[in-house]
Amino acid sequence: MKVMNLVWPINGWFFGPFALWAYFKWGRLNAKDSEREDRRKTPAKVFVSTSHCAGGCTVGDAAGVPFVALTGFTIVGSTLFAHYLVEFILAYLVGIIFQYYAIYPMNKDLGKKGALKSAIKADSAALIAFEIGMFGWMAIVHFVLFTVPPKPDTAVYWFMMQIAMILGFLTSYPANWILVKKGIKEVM
C-alpha cells in the first residue's frame, strides 16, 4: 500500500529507532516481495496495522497543535480542551483518509463510497483508543507534572507529545487487535 510509505516515517517521529527496527523486521516484508510467504505472527501483523492507525492520528494531532497555539483558541478557558477537540477532529479526518487509502486499493469492488464507509468503521474505535492514551498523558502533563504546562514552542512540549503518541499507540494496539479479530480491519 502506498500510504504505508508515509506511515513508517511518521511512526519514526515518535518511535524513533524502534520504528526503524519494526519497519525492517515486519513492514518491509510486503514492500520487498509480495510473492514471498508472510511468516509474521498475528502480534506483528497487528503491530503494523496499529502503526498505520497511529500514523494518521499523529499527523492530525501534530497539525492541530499549531492551529490552537496560533489562534489562542480555548474551551472553558483551557487550551488543553481546545487541543483535545481540534486534534481529535483532525486525527479522525486524517485517520479516515489513511484507512481509505489502505482499504480502497485492496477492495475496489466496494466502490469509493463503500470503501469510505469501511474506513470509518475500521478507524473509529482504534482512533478513540489512541486518543485516550495520548490525551490521558497530556492531561497528566498539564495538571500533574508541571506547575506551568509546557507551551508548543518548547522542546519539552514536543517531547511530552512524543511520549503521548507512544502511549496512544499502546492503547490503540488492543483496539486494533479486536478490530482485526472481528474482521472489521485487516492485518497489514
C-alpha atoms as a PDB file:
ATOM      1  CA  MET A   1       0.000   0.000   0.000  1.00  0.00           C
ATOM      2  CA  LYS A   2       1.378   3.356  -0.981  1.00  0.00           C
ATOM      3  CA  VAL A   3       0.017   5.004   2.171  1.00  0.00           C
ATOM      4  CA  MET A   4       2.483   2.914   4.204  1.00  0.00           C
ATOM      5  CA  ASN A   5       5.286   4.935   2.590  1.00  0.00           C
ATOM      6  CA  LEU A   6       4.001   7.817   4.729  1.00  0.00           C
ATOM      7  CA  VAL A   7       3.185   5.740   7.804  1.00  0.00           C
ATOM      8  CA  TRP A   8       6.683   4.448   8.566  1.00  0.00           C
ATOM      9  CA  PRO A   9       8.433   7.848   8.617  1.00  0.00           C
ATOM     10  CA  ILE A  10       5.588   9.286  10.719  1.00  0.00           C
ATOM     11  CA  ASN A  11       5.966   6.461  13.217  1.00  0.00           C
ATOM     12  CA  GLY A  12       9.696   7.110  13.228  1.00  0.00           C
ATOM     13  CA  TRP A  13       8.939  10.582  14.560  1.00  0.00           C
ATOM     14  CA  PHE A  14       7.583   9.246  17.842  1.00  0.00           C
ATOM     15  CA  PHE A  15       9.003   5.701  17.996  1.00  0.00           C
ATOM     16  CA  GLY A  16      12.483   6.620  16.782  1.00  0.00           C
ATOM     17  CA  PRO A  17      14.873   3.700  16.242  1.00  0.00           C
ATOM     18  CA  PHE A  18      12.195   1.203  17.314  1.00  0.00           C
ATOM     19  CA  ALA A  19      10.101   2.210  14.277  1.00  0.00           C
ATOM     20  CA  LEU A  20      13.092   1.649  12.019  1.00  0.00           C
ATOM     21  CA  TRP A  21      13.639  -1.789  13.541  1.00  0.00           C
ATOM     22  CA  ALA A  22       9.919  -2.650  13.155  1.00  0.00           C
ATOM     23  CA  TYR A  23       9.967  -1.499   9.538  1.00  0.00           C
ATOM     24  CA  PHE A  24      12.877  -3.771   8.636  1.00  0.00           C
ATOM     25  CA  LYS A  25      11.519  -6.650  10.744  1.00  0.00           C
ATOM     26  CA  TRP A  26       7.815  -6.546   9.771  1.00  0.00           C
ATOM     27  CA  GLY A  27       6.961  -3.644   7.478  1.00  0.00           C
ATOM     28  CA  ARG A  28       9.396  -4.136   4.660  1.00  0.00           C
ATOM     29  CA  LEU A  29       8.286  -7.719   4.034  1.00  0.00           C
ATOM     30  CA  ASN A  30       5.485  -6.792   1.656  1.00  0.00           C
ATOM     31  CA  ALA A  31       7.351  -3.834   0.223  1.00  0.00           C
ATOM     32  CA  LYS A  32      10.237  -6.034  -0.881  1.00  0.00           C
ATOM     33  CA  ASP A  33       8.491  -9.104  -2.173  1.00  0.00           C
ATOM     34  CA  SER A  34       4.738  -9.519  -2.225  1.00  0.00           C
ATOM     35  CA  GLU A  35       5.110 -13.072  -3.551  1.00  0.00           C
ATOM     36  CA  ARG A  36       7.107 -14.252  -0.538  1.00  0.00           C
ATOM     37  CA  GLU A  37       5.242 -16.136   2.182  1.00  0.00           C
ATOM     38  CA  ASP A  38       4.303 -13.960   5.117  1.00  0.00           C
ATOM     39  CA  ARG A  39       5.569 -15.764   8.226  1.00  0.00           C
ATOM     40  CA  ARG A  40       4.834 -12.959  10.658  1.00  0.00           C
ATOM     41  CA  LYS A  41       2.682 -13.915  13.626  1.00  0.00           C
ATOM     42  CA  THR A  42      -0.570 -12.097  14.405  1.00  0.00           C
ATOM     43  CA  PRO A  43       1.009  -9.758  17.015  1.00  0.00           C
ATOM     44  CA  ALA A  44       3.441  -8.443  14.382  1.00  0.00           C
ATOM     45  CA  LYS A  45       0.669  -8.006  11.805  1.00  0.00           C
ATOM     46  CA  VAL A  46      -1.482  -6.141  14.321  1.00  0.00           C
ATOM     47  CA  PHE A  47       1.570  -4.009  15.189  1.00  0.00           C
ATOM     48  CA  VAL A  48       1.811  -2.936  11.545  1.00  0.00           C
ATOM     49  CA  SER A  49      -1.950  -2.235  11.442  1.00  0.00           C
ATOM     50  CA  THR A  50      -1.587  -0.191  14.626  1.00  0.00           C
ATOM     51  CA  SER A  51       1.331   1.686  13.049  1.00  0.00           C
ATOM     52  CA  HIS A  52      -0.975   2.606  10.187  1.00  0.00           C
ATOM     53  CA  CYS A  53      -3.619   3.828  12.653  1.00  0.00           C
ATOM     54  CA  ALA A  54      -1.036   5.728  14.711  1.00  0.00           C
ATOM     55  CA  GLY A  55       0.370   7.398  11.595  1.00  0.00           C
ATOM     56  CA  GLY A  56      -2.977   9.003  10.780  1.00  0.00           C
ATOM     57  CA  CYS A  57      -3.610  10.016  14.384  1.00  0.00           C
ATOM     58  CA  THR A  58      -0.140  11.509  14.730  1.00  0.00           C
ATOM     59  CA  VAL A  59      -0.480  13.685  11.621  1.00  0.00           C
ATOM     60  CA  GLY A  60      -3.837  15.026  12.773  1.00  0.00           C
ATOM     61  CA  ASP A  61      -2.667  15.606  16.338  1.00  0.00           C
ATOM     62  CA  ALA A  62       0.565  17.305  15.291  1.00  0.00           C
ATOM     63  CA  ALA A  63      -1.286  19.518  12.784  1.00  0.00           C
ATOM     64  CA  GLY A  64      -3.788  20.606  15.420  1.00  0.00           C
ATOM     65  CA  VAL A  65      -1.172  21.936  17.848  1.00  0.00           C
ATOM     66  CA  PRO A  66      -0.095  24.999  15.842  1.00  0.00           C
ATOM     67  CA  PHE A  67      -3.714  25.798  14.978  1.00  0.00           C
ATOM     68  CA  VAL A  68      -4.650  26.040  18.669  1.00  0.00           C
ATOM     69  CA  ALA A  69      -1.388  27.782  19.595  1.00  0.00           C
ATOM     70  CA  LEU A  70      -1.616  30.408  16.848  1.00  0.00           C
ATOM     71  CA  THR A  71      -5.321  31.170  17.247  1.00  0.00           C
ATOM     72  CA  GLY A  72      -5.372  31.218  21.050  1.00  0.00           C
ATOM     73  CA  PHE A  73      -8.468  29.009  20.876  1.00  0.00           C
ATOM     74  CA  THR A  74      -9.745  27.829  24.265  1.00  0.00           C
ATOM     75  CA  ILE A  75     -12.684  25.824  25.570  1.00  0.00           C
ATOM     76  CA  VAL A  76     -13.948  26.856  29.009  1.00  0.00           C
ATOM     77  CA  GLY A  77     -10.741  28.831  29.379  1.00  0.00           C
ATOM     78  CA  SER A  78      -8.479  25.846  28.695  1.00  0.00           C
ATOM     79  CA  THR A  79      -6.109  25.420  25.788  1.00  0.00           C
ATOM     80  CA  LEU A  80      -5.828  21.720  26.723  1.00  0.00           C
ATOM     81  CA  PHE A  81      -9.515  21.146  25.957  1.00  0.00           C
ATOM     82  CA  ALA A  82      -9.128  23.121  22.731  1.00  0.00           C
ATOM     83  CA  HIS A  83      -6.213  20.872  21.778  1.00  0.00           C
ATOM     84  CA  TYR A  84      -8.358  17.826  22.519  1.00  0.00           C
ATOM     85  CA  LEU A  85     -11.184  18.992  20.257  1.00  0.00           C
ATOM     86  CA  VAL A  86      -9.113  20.250  17.326  1.00  0.00           C
ATOM     87  CA  GLU A  87      -6.645  17.374  17.415  1.00  0.00           C
ATOM     88  CA  PHE A  88      -9.380  14.755  17.698  1.00  0.00           C
ATOM     89  CA  ILE A  89     -11.209  16.154  14.675  1.00  0.00           C
ATOM     90  CA  LEU A  90      -8.041  16.393  12.575  1.00  0.00           C
ATOM     91  CA  ALA A  91      -6.775  12.973  13.694  1.00  0.00           C
ATOM     92  CA  TYR A  92     -10.140  11.459  12.818  1.00  0.00           C
ATOM     93  CA  LEU A  93     -10.182  13.038   9.355  1.00  0.00           C
ATOM     94  CA  VAL A  94      -6.593  12.075   8.564  1.00  0.00           C
ATOM     95  CA  GLY A  95      -7.142   8.605  10.040  1.00  0.00           C
ATOM     96  CA  ILE A  96     -10.136   8.040   7.767  1.00  0.00           C
ATOM     97  CA  ILE A  97      -8.092   9.179   4.768  1.00  0.00           C
ATOM     98  CA  PHE A  98      -5.260   6.807   5.704  1.00  0.00           C
ATOM     99  CA  GLN A  99      -7.769   3.944   6.177  1.00  0.00           C
ATOM    100  CA  TYR A 100      -9.466   4.729   2.887  1.00  0.00           C
ATOM    101  CA  TYR A 101      -6.163   4.539   1.023  1.00  0.00           C
ATOM    102  CA  ALA A 102      -5.484   1.182   2.650  1.00  0.00           C
ATOM    103  CA  ILE A 103      -8.954  -0.273   2.024  1.00  0.00           C
ATOM    104  CA  TYR A 104      -9.861   1.000  -1.444  1.00  0.00           C
ATOM    105  CA  PRO A 105      -6.784  -0.313  -3.324  1.00  0.00           C
ATOM    106  CA  MET A 106      -7.333  -3.800  -1.855  1.00  0.00           C
ATOM    107  CA  ASN A 107     -11.132  -3.806  -2.283  1.00  0.00           C
ATOM    108  CA  LYS A 108     -12.055  -1.807  -5.372  1.00  0.00           C
ATOM    109  CA  ASP A 109     -15.226  -3.881  -5.668  1.00  0.00           C
ATOM    110  CA  LEU A 110     -16.577  -1.958  -2.644  1.00  0.00           C
ATOM    111  CA  GLY A 111     -16.561   1.217  -4.677  1.00  0.00           C
ATOM    112  CA  LYS A 112     -15.401   4.545  -3.306  1.00  0.00           C
ATOM    113  CA  LYS A 113     -18.451   5.061  -1.099  1.00  0.00           C
ATOM    114  CA  GLY A 114     -18.262   1.543   0.336  1.00  0.00           C
ATOM    115  CA  ALA A 115     -14.537   1.927   0.964  1.00  0.00           C
ATOM    116  CA  LEU A 116     -15.193   5.197   2.788  1.00  0.00           C
ATOM    117  CA  LYS A 117     -17.827   3.539   4.994  1.00  0.00           C
ATOM    118  CA  SER A 118     -15.416   0.696   5.731  1.00  0.00           C
ATOM    119  CA  ALA A 119     -12.671   3.201   6.546  1.00  0.00           C
ATOM    120  CA  ILE A 120     -14.906   4.981   9.046  1.00  0.00           C
ATOM    121  CA  LYS A 121     -15.893   1.684  10.622  1.00  0.00           C
ATOM    122  CA  ALA A 122     -12.298   0.442  10.785  1.00  0.00           C
ATOM    123  CA  ASP A 123     -10.781   3.631  12.156  1.00  0.00           C
ATOM    124  CA  SER A 124     -13.281   4.935  14.712  1.00  0.00           C
ATOM    125  CA  ALA A 125     -12.616   2.633  17.689  1.00  0.00           C
ATOM    126  CA  ALA A 126      -8.869   2.488  17.036  1.00  0.00           C
ATOM    127  CA  LEU A 127      -8.634   6.278  16.871  1.00  0.00           C
ATOM    128  CA  ILE A 128     -10.611   6.734  20.068  1.00  0.00           C
ATOM    129  CA  ALA A 129      -8.315   4.246  21.818  1.00  0.00           C
ATOM    130  CA  PHE A 130      -5.246   6.119  20.516  1.00  0.00           C
ATOM    131  CA  GLU A 131      -6.583   9.461  21.687  1.00  0.00           C
ATOM    132  CA  ILE A 132      -7.433   8.083  25.147  1.00  0.00           C
ATOM    133  CA  GLY A 133      -3.783   7.174  25.666  1.00  0.00           C
ATOM    134  CA  MET A 134      -2.492  10.376  24.168  1.00  0.00           C
ATOM    135  CA  PHE A 135      -4.961  12.754  25.806  1.00  0.00           C
ATOM    136  CA  GLY A 136      -4.635  10.982  29.146  1.00  0.00           C
ATOM    137  CA  TRP A 137      -0.895  11.573  29.146  1.00  0.00           C
ATOM    138  CA  MET A 138      -1.287  15.202  28.093  1.00  0.00           C
ATOM    139  CA  ALA A 139      -3.732  15.712  30.990  1.00  0.00           C
ATOM    140  CA  ILE A 140      -1.076  14.349  33.363  1.00  0.00           C
ATOM    141  CA  VAL A 141       1.480  16.682  31.788  1.00  0.00           C
ATOM    142  CA  HIS A 142      -0.900  19.642  32.017  1.00  0.00           C
ATOM    143  CA  PHE A 143      -2.291  19.093  35.510  1.00  0.00           C
ATOM    144  CA  VAL A 144       0.273  16.974  37.407  1.00  0.00           C
ATOM    145  CA  LEU A 145       3.842  17.075  36.100  1.00  0.00           C
ATOM    146  CA  PHE A 146       4.284  20.823  35.611  1.00  0.00           C
ATOM    147  CA  THR A 147       3.155  23.809  37.631  1.00  0.00           C
ATOM    148  CA  VAL A 148       3.039  25.737  34.354  1.00  0.00           C
ATOM    149  CA  PRO A 149       2.255  23.419  31.427  1.00  0.00           C
ATOM    150  CA  PRO A 150       4.855  23.492  28.631  1.00  0.00           C
ATOM    151  CA  LYS A 151       3.959  25.535  25.558  1.00  0.00           C
ATOM    152  CA  PRO A 152       4.009  24.189  21.984  1.00  0.00           C
ATOM    153  CA  ASP A 153       7.019  26.358  21.136  1.00  0.00           C
ATOM    154  CA  THR A 154       9.274  24.368  23.512  1.00  0.00           C
ATOM    155  CA  ALA A 155      11.161  21.112  23.098  1.00  0.00           C
ATOM    156  CA  VAL A 156       9.675  19.898  26.394  1.00  0.00           C
ATOM    157  CA  TYR A 157       6.159  20.132  24.947  1.00  0.00           C
ATOM    158  CA  TRP A 158       7.084  18.100  21.883  1.00  0.00           C
ATOM    159  CA  PHE A 159       8.925  15.532  23.977  1.00  0.00           C
ATOM    160  CA  MET A 160       5.756  15.154  26.065  1.00  0.00           C
ATOM    161  CA  MET A 161       3.782  14.798  22.810  1.00  0.00           C
ATOM    162  CA  GLN A 162       6.215  12.101  21.692  1.00  0.00           C
ATOM    163  CA  ILE A 163       5.542  10.164  24.897  1.00  0.00           C
ATOM    164  CA  ALA A 164       1.812  10.783  24.402  1.00  0.00           C
ATOM    165  CA  MET A 165       1.944   9.299  20.912  1.00  0.00           C
ATOM    166  CA  ILE A 166       3.767   6.204  22.156  1.00  0.00           C
ATOM    167  CA  LEU A 167       1.103   5.779  24.834  1.00  0.00           C
ATOM    168  CA  GLY A 168      -1.588   6.332  22.205  1.00  0.00           C
ATOM    169  CA  PHE A 169      -0.008   3.567  20.139  1.00  0.00           C
ATOM    170  CA  LEU A 170      -0.029   1.254  23.162  1.00  0.00           C
ATOM    171  CA  THR A 171      -3.686   1.966  23.997  1.00  0.00           C
ATOM    172  CA  SER A 172      -4.764   1.513  20.375  1.00  0.00           C
ATOM    173  CA  TYR A 173      -2.982  -1.837  19.921  1.00  0.00           C
ATOM    174  CA  PRO A 174      -5.691  -3.825  21.808  1.00  0.00           C
ATOM    175  CA  ALA A 175      -8.428  -1.994  19.883  1.00  0.00           C
ATOM    176  CA  ASN A 176      -6.727  -2.846  16.594  1.00  0.00           C
ATOM    177  CA  TRP A 177      -6.373  -6.476  17.718  1.00  0.00           C
ATOM    178  CA  ILE A 178     -10.127  -6.677  18.403  1.00  0.00           C
ATOM    179  CA  LEU A 179     -10.987  -4.970  15.107  1.00  0.00           C
ATOM    180  CA  VAL A 180      -8.784  -7.454  13.231  1.00  0.00           C
ATOM    181  CA  LYS A 181     -10.242 -10.412  15.136  1.00  0.00           C
ATOM    182  CA  LYS A 182     -13.803  -9.287  14.295  1.00  0.00           C
ATOM    183  CA  GLY A 183     -12.908  -8.811  10.616  1.00  0.00           C
ATOM    184  CA  ILE A 184     -13.591  -5.070  10.700  1.00  0.00           C
ATOM    185  CA  LYS A 185      -9.950  -4.276   9.989  1.00  0.00           C
ATOM    186  CA  GLU A 186      -7.402  -6.286   8.050  1.00  0.00           C
ATOM    187  CA  VAL A 187      -3.899  -7.063   9.217  1.00  0.00           C
ATOM    188  CA  MET A 188      -1.120  -5.428   7.284  1.00  0.00           C
END
